[in-house]
């Protein structure tokens, strides 16, 4: 790549950017198709696959004569290339910043997270002890733990913060601790995790891929039936009980 990855540069009338990816071409095609409602296609768009790895998008109303912008997305092994140009000079002034920001965000979304990111998101419930133990363990491994409550929100909602960190973190740990007791006193039941933990578990599995999310549960706890069968680590009182397993899993994905 002759230009810096993830940055727009101008070549004549075209704005171009390259984003690195570890996804297969088949996965890139699927994710590109799902993302068509964002970015350049957020206007009235006409997306057409020129071939299996080249997507052409025009925006405007009616015949191509009235198109206001067009773009190409090229899918290659290890790289996505986006090209955008505005067909009417004045529109460049009004639409460029917003359009390039939207297309860039979509490119990052489709490309996914590179494995060399050292940021690791920690989803947690009420257990401050387990959260601190996991944070210290990851820091000792040379990684950068990300805990939502410790980050500056910059006016973003919680969902917007999750969206942001799922584009910068390469891996997530989900601490499932016995915080809530469902049912009534008359009904014997296992404790379960906070509901926000379950939501964020699904969120990061969808964003990072199931292989890049590890569940760590404490003691006898109720797990969602949908995640039964997925590998998870279990400890009794201290997260360091599974430190060797955590290190081994991170080594397998090249983070340590």
C-alpha atoms as a PDB file:
ATOM      1  CA  UNK A   1       0.000   0.000   0.000  1.00  0.00           C
ATOM      2  CA  UNK A   2       1.635   3.218  -1.111  1.00  0.00           C
ATOM      3  CA  UNK A   3      -0.662   5.380   1.017  1.00  0.00           C
ATOM      4  CA  UNK A   4      -1.353   5.126   4.730  1.00  0.00           C
ATOM      5  CA  UNK A   5      -4.090   2.635   5.564  1.00  0.00           C
ATOM      6  CA  UNK A   6      -7.373   4.093   6.712  1.00  0.00           C
ATOM      7  CA  UNK A   7      -6.805   7.629   5.369  1.00  0.00           C
ATOM      8  CA  UNK A   8      -8.379   9.430   2.441  1.00  0.00           C
ATOM      9  CA  UNK A   9      -6.158  10.977  -0.218  1.00  0.00           C
ATOM     10  CA  UNK A  10      -7.019  12.716  -3.463  1.00  0.00           C
ATOM     11  CA  UNK A  11      -5.944  11.521  -6.907  1.00  0.00           C
ATOM     12  CA  UNK A  12      -7.376  13.883  -9.505  1.00  0.00           C
ATOM     13  CA  UNK A  13     -11.145  13.925  -9.123  1.00  0.00           C
ATOM     14  CA  UNK A  14     -11.187  10.756  -7.026  1.00  0.00           C
ATOM     15  CA  UNK A  15     -10.968  10.402  -3.246  1.00  0.00           C
ATOM     16  CA  UNK A  16      -9.344   7.071  -2.352  1.00  0.00           C
ATOM     17  CA  UNK A  17      -8.677   5.087   0.806  1.00  0.00           C
ATOM     18  CA  UNK A  18      -7.335   1.630   1.624  1.00  0.00           C
ATOM     19  CA  UNK A  19      -8.304  -0.426   4.668  1.00  0.00           C
ATOM     20  CA  UNK A  20      -6.534  -3.585   5.757  1.00  0.00           C
ATOM     21  CA  UNK A  21      -8.543  -6.683   6.610  1.00  0.00           C
ATOM     22  CA  UNK A  22      -8.082 -10.287   7.664  1.00  0.00           C
ATOM     23  CA  UNK A  23     -11.496 -11.400   6.404  1.00  0.00           C
ATOM     24  CA  UNK A  24     -11.957 -13.792   3.510  1.00  0.00           C
ATOM     25  CA  UNK A  25     -13.274 -12.425   0.216  1.00  0.00           C
ATOM     26  CA  UNK A  26     -16.533 -14.325   0.719  1.00  0.00           C
ATOM     27  CA  UNK A  27     -17.029 -12.711   4.143  1.00  0.00           C
ATOM     28  CA  UNK A  28     -16.143  -9.276   2.712  1.00  0.00           C
ATOM     29  CA  UNK A  29     -18.763  -9.640  -0.030  1.00  0.00           C
ATOM     30  CA  UNK A  30     -21.406 -10.614   2.519  1.00  0.00           C
ATOM     31  CA  UNK A  31     -20.546  -7.767   4.890  1.00  0.00           C
ATOM     32  CA  UNK A  32     -20.370  -5.235   2.017  1.00  0.00           C
ATOM     33  CA  UNK A  33     -23.856  -6.205   0.905  1.00  0.00           C
ATOM     34  CA  UNK A  34     -25.209  -5.784   4.453  1.00  0.00           C
ATOM     35  CA  UNK A  35     -23.550  -2.368   4.782  1.00  0.00           C
ATOM     36  CA  UNK A  36     -25.049  -0.843   1.643  1.00  0.00           C
ATOM     37  CA  UNK A  37     -27.571   1.197   3.608  1.00  0.00           C
ATOM     38  CA  UNK A  38     -24.731   3.333   5.045  1.00  0.00           C
ATOM     39  CA  UNK A  39     -22.160   5.714   3.640  1.00  0.00           C
ATOM     40  CA  UNK A  40     -22.402   6.694   0.005  1.00  0.00           C
ATOM     41  CA  UNK A  41     -25.536   4.613  -0.396  1.00  0.00           C
ATOM     42  CA  UNK A  42     -27.230   6.567   2.379  1.00  0.00           C
ATOM     43  CA  UNK A  43     -28.546   8.786  -0.413  1.00  0.00           C
ATOM     44  CA  UNK A  44     -30.680   7.419  -3.269  1.00  0.00           C
ATOM     45  CA  UNK A  45     -28.251   4.749  -4.397  1.00  0.00           C
ATOM     46  CA  UNK A  46     -27.918   2.279  -7.221  1.00  0.00           C
ATOM     47  CA  UNK A  47     -25.409  -0.397  -6.199  1.00  0.00           C
ATOM     48  CA  UNK A  48     -24.263  -2.886  -8.832  1.00  0.00           C
ATOM     49  CA  UNK A  49     -21.709  -5.670  -8.478  1.00  0.00           C
ATOM     50  CA  UNK A  50     -19.510  -5.334 -11.586  1.00  0.00           C
ATOM     51  CA  UNK A  51     -17.896  -8.652 -10.721  1.00  0.00           C
ATOM     52  CA  UNK A  52     -17.577 -10.770  -7.587  1.00  0.00           C
ATOM     53  CA  UNK A  53     -15.070  -8.353  -6.021  1.00  0.00           C
ATOM     54  CA  UNK A  54     -16.015  -4.939  -7.454  1.00  0.00           C
ATOM     55  CA  UNK A  55     -18.997  -2.921  -6.274  1.00  0.00           C
ATOM     56  CA  UNK A  56     -20.103   0.218  -8.156  1.00  0.00           C
ATOM     57  CA  UNK A  57     -22.472   2.646  -6.409  1.00  0.00           C
ATOM     58  CA  UNK A  58     -24.058   5.758  -7.891  1.00  0.00           C
ATOM     59  CA  UNK A  59     -26.291   8.187  -6.025  1.00  0.00           C
ATOM     60  CA  UNK A  60     -28.985  10.392  -7.421  1.00  0.00           C
ATOM     61  CA  UNK A  61     -32.502  10.430  -8.844  1.00  0.00           C
ATOM     62  CA  UNK A  62     -33.494   9.158 -12.257  1.00  0.00           C
ATOM     63  CA  UNK A  63     -31.104   8.566 -15.159  1.00  0.00           C
ATOM     64  CA  UNK A  64     -27.344   8.444 -14.690  1.00  0.00           C
ATOM     65  CA  UNK A  65     -27.120  11.947 -16.169  1.00  0.00           C
ATOM     66  CA  UNK A  66     -28.480  13.224 -12.854  1.00  0.00           C
ATOM     67  CA  UNK A  67     -26.190  11.192 -10.582  1.00  0.00           C
ATOM     68  CA  UNK A  68     -24.482  13.428  -8.054  1.00  0.00           C
ATOM     69  CA  UNK A  69     -21.726  11.041  -6.958  1.00  0.00           C
ATOM     70  CA  UNK A  70     -20.337   7.608  -7.609  1.00  0.00           C
ATOM     71  CA  UNK A  71     -18.020   5.210  -5.890  1.00  0.00           C
ATOM     72  CA  UNK A  72     -16.226   1.919  -6.322  1.00  0.00           C
ATOM     73  CA  UNK A  73     -15.363  -0.657  -3.687  1.00  0.00           C
ATOM     74  CA  UNK A  74     -12.638  -3.133  -4.609  1.00  0.00           C
ATOM     75  CA  UNK A  75     -12.274  -6.259  -2.493  1.00  0.00           C
ATOM     76  CA  UNK A  76      -8.821  -7.800  -2.508  1.00  0.00           C
ATOM     77  CA  UNK A  77      -7.045 -10.310  -0.249  1.00  0.00           C
ATOM     78  CA  UNK A  78      -6.019  -8.339   2.821  1.00  0.00           C
ATOM     79  CA  UNK A  79      -7.360  -4.996   1.597  1.00  0.00           C
ATOM     80  CA  UNK A  80     -10.477  -2.978   0.745  1.00  0.00           C
ATOM     81  CA  UNK A  81     -10.110   0.025  -1.561  1.00  0.00           C
ATOM     82  CA  UNK A  82     -12.807   2.720  -1.773  1.00  0.00           C
ATOM     83  CA  UNK A  83     -12.954   5.398  -4.487  1.00  0.00           C
ATOM     84  CA  UNK A  84     -15.429   8.279  -4.449  1.00  0.00           C
ATOM     85  CA  UNK A  85     -15.958  11.205  -6.800  1.00  0.00           C
ATOM     86  CA  UNK A  86     -18.555  13.961  -7.026  1.00  0.00           C
ATOM     87  CA  UNK A  87     -19.931  14.631 -10.499  1.00  0.00           C
ATOM     88  CA  UNK A  88     -21.014  18.200  -9.796  1.00  0.00           C
ATOM     89  CA  UNK A  89     -18.205  20.519  -8.568  1.00  0.00           C
ATOM     90  CA  UNK A  90     -20.304  22.516  -6.096  1.00  0.00           C
ATOM     91  CA  UNK A  91     -21.531  19.349  -4.422  1.00  0.00           C
ATOM     92  CA  UNK A  92     -17.960  18.542  -3.439  1.00  0.00           C
ATOM     93  CA  UNK A  93     -18.040  21.553  -1.113  1.00  0.00           C
ATOM     94  CA  UNK A  94     -21.273  20.554   0.622  1.00  0.00           C
ATOM     95  CA  UNK A  95     -21.100  16.758   0.621  1.00  0.00           C
ATOM     96  CA  UNK A  96     -17.429  15.801   0.725  1.00  0.00           C
ATOM     97  CA  UNK A  97     -16.739  15.763   4.480  1.00  0.00           C
ATOM     98  CA  UNK A  98     -19.959  13.986   5.436  1.00  0.00           C
ATOM     99  CA  UNK A  99     -19.787  11.471   2.592  1.00  0.00           C
ATOM    100  CA  UNK A 100     -16.141  10.575   3.126  1.00  0.00           C
ATOM    101  CA  UNK A 101     -16.713  10.187   6.871  1.00  0.00           C
ATOM    102  CA  UNK A 102     -19.685   7.893   6.258  1.00  0.00           C
ATOM    103  CA  UNK A 103     -17.934   5.818   3.612  1.00  0.00           C
ATOM    104  CA  UNK A 104     -14.804   5.595   5.767  1.00  0.00           C
ATOM    105  CA  UNK A 105     -16.837   4.404   8.738  1.00  0.00           C
ATOM    106  CA  UNK A 106     -18.508   1.777   6.574  1.00  0.00           C
ATOM    107  CA  UNK A 107     -15.139   0.629   5.210  1.00  0.00           C
ATOM    108  CA  UNK A 108     -13.865   0.148   8.777  1.00  0.00           C
ATOM    109  CA  UNK A 109     -17.050  -1.741   9.629  1.00  0.00           C
ATOM    110  CA  UNK A 110     -16.686  -4.079   6.647  1.00  0.00           C
ATOM    111  CA  UNK A 111     -12.919  -4.557   6.980  1.00  0.00           C
ATOM    112  CA  UNK A 112     -13.174  -5.488  10.643  1.00  0.00           C
ATOM    113  CA  UNK A 113     -10.489  -5.212  13.294  1.00  0.00           C
ATOM    114  CA  UNK A 114      -6.907  -6.100  12.531  1.00  0.00           C
ATOM    115  CA  UNK A 115      -5.395  -8.604  14.930  1.00  0.00           C
ATOM    116  CA  UNK A 116      -2.551  -6.237  15.813  1.00  0.00           C
ATOM    117  CA  UNK A 117      -4.819  -3.999  17.920  1.00  0.00           C
ATOM    118  CA  UNK A 118      -3.840  -4.399  21.572  1.00  0.00           C
ATOM    119  CA  UNK A 119      -7.109  -2.954  22.895  1.00  0.00           C
ATOM    120  CA  UNK A 120      -9.219  -5.570  24.690  1.00  0.00           C
ATOM    121  CA  UNK A 121     -12.757  -4.718  25.791  1.00  0.00           C
ATOM    122  CA  UNK A 122     -13.960  -5.951  29.183  1.00  0.00           C
ATOM    123  CA  UNK A 123     -17.696  -6.458  29.640  1.00  0.00           C
ATOM    124  CA  UNK A 124     -18.532  -6.724  33.336  1.00  0.00           C
ATOM    125  CA  UNK A 125     -21.284  -6.647  35.902  1.00  0.00           C
ATOM    126  CA  UNK A 126     -21.230  -5.576  39.553  1.00  0.00           C
ATOM    127  CA  UNK A 127     -18.092  -7.459  40.623  1.00  0.00           C
ATOM    128  CA  UNK A 128     -15.397  -4.808  40.975  1.00  0.00           C
ATOM    129  CA  UNK A 129     -12.975  -7.460  42.226  1.00  0.00           C
ATOM    130  CA  UNK A 130     -13.285  -9.688  39.149  1.00  0.00           C
ATOM    131  CA  UNK A 131     -13.101  -6.672  36.851  1.00  0.00           C
ATOM    132  CA  UNK A 132      -9.903  -5.398  38.493  1.00  0.00           C
ATOM    133  CA  UNK A 133      -8.312  -8.851  38.484  1.00  0.00           C
ATOM    134  CA  UNK A 134      -8.965  -9.305  34.761  1.00  0.00           C
ATOM    135  CA  UNK A 135      -7.772  -5.781  33.964  1.00  0.00           C
ATOM    136  CA  UNK A 136      -4.508  -6.330  35.878  1.00  0.00           C
ATOM    137  CA  UNK A 137      -3.982  -9.706  34.210  1.00  0.00           C
ATOM    138  CA  UNK A 138      -4.425  -8.301  30.688  1.00  0.00           C
ATOM    139  CA  UNK A 139      -2.180  -5.318  31.457  1.00  0.00           C
ATOM    140  CA  UNK A 140       0.539  -7.697  32.685  1.00  0.00           C
ATOM    141  CA  UNK A 141       0.335  -9.454  29.299  1.00  0.00           C
ATOM    142  CA  UNK A 142       1.129  -6.180  27.532  1.00  0.00           C
ATOM    143  CA  UNK A 143      -2.443  -5.510  26.387  1.00  0.00           C
ATOM    144  CA  UNK A 144      -4.626  -2.421  26.816  1.00  0.00           C
ATOM    145  CA  UNK A 145      -7.861  -3.258  28.677  1.00  0.00           C
ATOM    146  CA  UNK A 146     -10.823  -1.032  27.794  1.00  0.00           C
ATOM    147  CA  UNK A 147     -13.521  -0.601  30.462  1.00  0.00           C
ATOM    148  CA  UNK A 148     -16.439   1.546  29.372  1.00  0.00           C
ATOM    149  CA  UNK A 149     -16.830   3.439  32.658  1.00  0.00           C
ATOM    150  CA  UNK A 150     -13.171   4.514  32.522  1.00  0.00           C
ATOM    151  CA  UNK A 151     -13.397   6.050  29.028  1.00  0.00           C
ATOM    152  CA  UNK A 152     -14.370   9.603  28.080  1.00  0.00           C
ATOM    153  CA  UNK A 153     -17.792   9.457  26.437  1.00  0.00           C
ATOM    154  CA  UNK A 154     -17.454  12.692  24.385  1.00  0.00           C
ATOM    155  CA  UNK A 155     -21.210  13.137  24.354  1.00  0.00           C
ATOM    156  CA  UNK A 156     -21.866   9.660  22.956  1.00  0.00           C
ATOM    157  CA  UNK A 157     -24.649   7.406  24.207  1.00  0.00           C
ATOM    158  CA  UNK A 158     -23.742   3.986  25.610  1.00  0.00           C
ATOM    159  CA  UNK A 159     -24.667   2.295  22.328  1.00  0.00           C
ATOM    160  CA  UNK A 160     -22.542   4.798  20.406  1.00  0.00           C
ATOM    161  CA  UNK A 161     -19.620   4.102  22.752  1.00  0.00           C
ATOM    162  CA  UNK A 162     -20.014   0.365  22.149  1.00  0.00           C
ATOM    163  CA  UNK A 163     -20.094   1.011  18.411  1.00  0.00           C
ATOM    164  CA  UNK A 164     -16.868   3.008  18.669  1.00  0.00           C
ATOM    165  CA  UNK A 165     -14.939   0.549  20.823  1.00  0.00           C
ATOM    166  CA  UNK A 166     -16.024  -2.428  18.724  1.00  0.00           C
ATOM    167  CA  UNK A 167     -14.086  -0.806  15.850  1.00  0.00           C
ATOM    168  CA  UNK A 168     -10.912  -0.245  17.894  1.00  0.00           C
ATOM    169  CA  UNK A 169     -10.768  -3.390  20.049  1.00  0.00           C
ATOM    170  CA  UNK A 170      -9.607  -6.696  18.586  1.00  0.00           C
ATOM    171  CA  UNK A 171     -10.923  -8.933  21.350  1.00  0.00           C
ATOM    172  CA  UNK A 172     -13.451  -8.923  24.194  1.00  0.00           C
ATOM    173  CA  UNK A 173     -13.762 -10.702  27.532  1.00  0.00           C
ATOM    174  CA  UNK A 174     -17.213 -11.026  29.054  1.00  0.00           C
ATOM    175  CA  UNK A 175     -17.278 -11.440  32.836  1.00  0.00           C
ATOM    176  CA  UNK A 176     -20.432 -13.271  33.843  1.00  0.00           C
ATOM    177  CA  UNK A 177     -20.720 -12.905  37.600  1.00  0.00           C
ATOM    178  CA  UNK A 178     -23.669 -13.866  39.861  1.00  0.00           C
ATOM    179  CA  UNK A 179     -25.226 -10.425  40.205  1.00  0.00           C
ATOM    180  CA  UNK A 180     -28.993 -10.968  39.853  1.00  0.00           C
ATOM    181  CA  UNK A 181     -31.352 -13.492  41.405  1.00  0.00           C
ATOM    182  CA  UNK A 182     -34.285 -14.144  39.043  1.00  0.00           C
ATOM    183  CA  UNK A 183     -37.686 -15.361  40.197  1.00  0.00           C
ATOM    184  CA  UNK A 184     -38.947 -15.238  43.773  1.00  0.00           C
ATOM    185  CA  UNK A 185     -37.700 -16.467  47.123  1.00  0.00           C
ATOM    186  CA  UNK A 186     -39.989 -19.528  46.817  1.00  0.00           C
ATOM    187  CA  UNK A 187     -38.391 -20.608  43.534  1.00  0.00           C
ATOM    188  CA  UNK A 188     -34.874 -22.001  43.728  1.00  0.00           C
ATOM    189  CA  UNK A 189     -32.791 -20.609  40.896  1.00  0.00           C
ATOM    190  CA  UNK A 190     -29.204 -19.959  39.937  1.00  0.00           C
ATOM    191  CA  UNK A 191     -28.010 -16.396  39.972  1.00  0.00           C
ATOM    192  CA  UNK A 192     -27.403 -14.778  36.614  1.00  0.00           C
ATOM    193  CA  UNK A 193     -25.441 -11.939  35.064  1.00  0.00           C
ATOM    194  CA  UNK A 194     -26.717  -8.412  34.695  1.00  0.00           C
ATOM    195  CA  UNK A 195     -28.861  -7.999  31.588  1.00  0.00           C
ATOM    196  CA  UNK A 196     -26.525  -5.384  30.107  1.00  0.00           C
ATOM    197  CA  UNK A 197     -23.748  -8.010  30.219  1.00  0.00           C
ATOM    198  CA  UNK A 198     -25.848 -10.403  28.122  1.00  0.00           C
ATOM    199  CA  UNK A 199     -26.650  -7.619  25.642  1.00  0.00           C
ATOM    200  CA  UNK A 200     -22.988  -6.667  25.282  1.00  0.00           C
ATOM    201  CA  UNK A 201     -22.007 -10.334  24.947  1.00  0.00           C
ATOM    202  CA  UNK A 202     -24.208 -10.631  21.861  1.00  0.00           C
ATOM    203  CA  UNK A 203     -23.020  -7.246  20.600  1.00  0.00           C
ATOM    204  CA  UNK A 204     -19.325  -8.141  20.618  1.00  0.00           C
ATOM    205  CA  UNK A 205     -19.900 -11.643  19.277  1.00  0.00           C
ATOM    206  CA  UNK A 206     -21.616 -10.064  16.284  1.00  0.00           C
ATOM    207  CA  UNK A 207     -19.034  -7.292  15.844  1.00  0.00           C
ATOM    208  CA  UNK A 208     -15.771  -9.139  16.511  1.00  0.00           C
ATOM    209  CA  UNK A 209     -16.761 -12.687  15.660  1.00  0.00           C
ATOM    210  CA  UNK A 210     -17.449 -15.480  18.102  1.00  0.00           C
ATOM    211  CA  UNK A 211     -13.823 -16.605  17.964  1.00  0.00           C
ATOM    212  CA  UNK A 212     -12.684 -13.231  19.363  1.00  0.00           C
ATOM    213  CA  UNK A 213     -14.900 -13.225  22.460  1.00  0.00           C
ATOM    214  CA  UNK A 214     -14.267 -15.254  25.616  1.00  0.00           C
ATOM    215  CA  UNK A 215     -16.791 -15.783  28.400  1.00  0.00           C
ATOM    216  CA  UNK A 216     -15.471 -16.001  31.943  1.00  0.00           C
ATOM    217  CA  UNK A 217     -18.063 -17.117  34.473  1.00  0.00           C
ATOM    218  CA  UNK A 218     -17.917 -17.270  38.249  1.00  0.00           C
ATOM    219  CA  UNK A 219     -19.327 -20.206  40.203  1.00  0.00           C
ATOM    220  CA  UNK A 220     -22.766 -21.691  39.681  1.00  0.00           C
ATOM    221  CA  UNK A 221     -24.515 -19.278  37.366  1.00  0.00           C
ATOM    222  CA  UNK A 222     -27.329 -19.322  34.855  1.00  0.00           C
ATOM    223  CA  UNK A 223     -26.092 -18.936  31.266  1.00  0.00           C
ATOM    224  CA  UNK A 224     -28.273 -18.026  28.274  1.00  0.00           C
ATOM    225  CA  UNK A 225     -29.255 -21.190  26.412  1.00  0.00           C
ATOM    226  CA  UNK A 226     -28.015 -19.692  23.128  1.00  0.00           C
ATOM    227  CA  UNK A 227     -24.404 -19.693  24.365  1.00  0.00           C
ATOM    228  CA  UNK A 228     -24.421 -23.208  25.802  1.00  0.00           C
ATOM    229  CA  UNK A 229     -21.853 -25.199  23.865  1.00  0.00           C
ATOM    230  CA  UNK A 230     -19.577 -22.178  23.392  1.00  0.00           C
ATOM    231  CA  UNK A 231     -16.239 -22.484  25.169  1.00  0.00           C
ATOM    232  CA  UNK A 232     -16.120 -20.504  28.408  1.00  0.00           C
ATOM    233  CA  UNK A 233     -13.754 -20.346  31.340  1.00  0.00           C
ATOM    234  CA  UNK A 234     -14.977 -20.810  34.899  1.00  0.00           C
ATOM    235  CA  UNK A 235     -13.428 -19.650  38.161  1.00  0.00           C
ATOM    236  CA  UNK A 236     -14.538 -19.788  41.781  1.00  0.00           C
ATOM    237  CA  UNK A 237     -13.138 -16.748  43.594  1.00  0.00           C
ATOM    238  CA  UNK A 238     -10.248 -15.298  41.584  1.00  0.00           C
ATOM    239  CA  UNK A 239      -9.883 -14.667  37.842  1.00  0.00           C
ATOM    240  CA  UNK A 240      -6.230 -15.703  38.120  1.00  0.00           C
ATOM    241  CA  UNK A 241      -7.455 -19.289  38.481  1.00  0.00           C
ATOM    242  CA  UNK A 242      -7.914 -19.275  34.681  1.00  0.00           C
ATOM    243  CA  UNK A 243      -4.913 -17.047  33.873  1.00  0.00           C
ATOM    244  CA  UNK A 244      -3.092 -19.821  31.989  1.00  0.00           C
ATOM    245  CA  UNK A 245      -6.177 -20.491  29.850  1.00  0.00           C
ATOM    246  CA  UNK A 246      -6.597 -16.786  29.106  1.00  0.00           C
ATOM    247  CA  UNK A 247      -2.965 -16.453  28.076  1.00  0.00           C
ATOM    248  CA  UNK A 248      -3.215 -19.527  25.859  1.00  0.00           C
ATOM    249  CA  UNK A 249      -6.350 -18.268  24.099  1.00  0.00           C
ATOM    250  CA  UNK A 250      -4.765 -14.865  23.434  1.00  0.00           C
ATOM    251  CA  UNK A 251      -1.611 -16.551  22.161  1.00  0.00           C
ATOM    252  CA  UNK A 252      -3.696 -18.570  19.692  1.00  0.00           C
ATOM    253  CA  UNK A 253      -5.021 -15.376  18.061  1.00  0.00           C
ATOM    254  CA  UNK A 254      -1.604 -13.714  18.052  1.00  0.00           C
ATOM    255  CA  UNK A 255      -2.209 -11.057  20.698  1.00  0.00           C
ATOM    256  CA  UNK A 256       0.502 -12.257  23.122  1.00  0.00           C
END
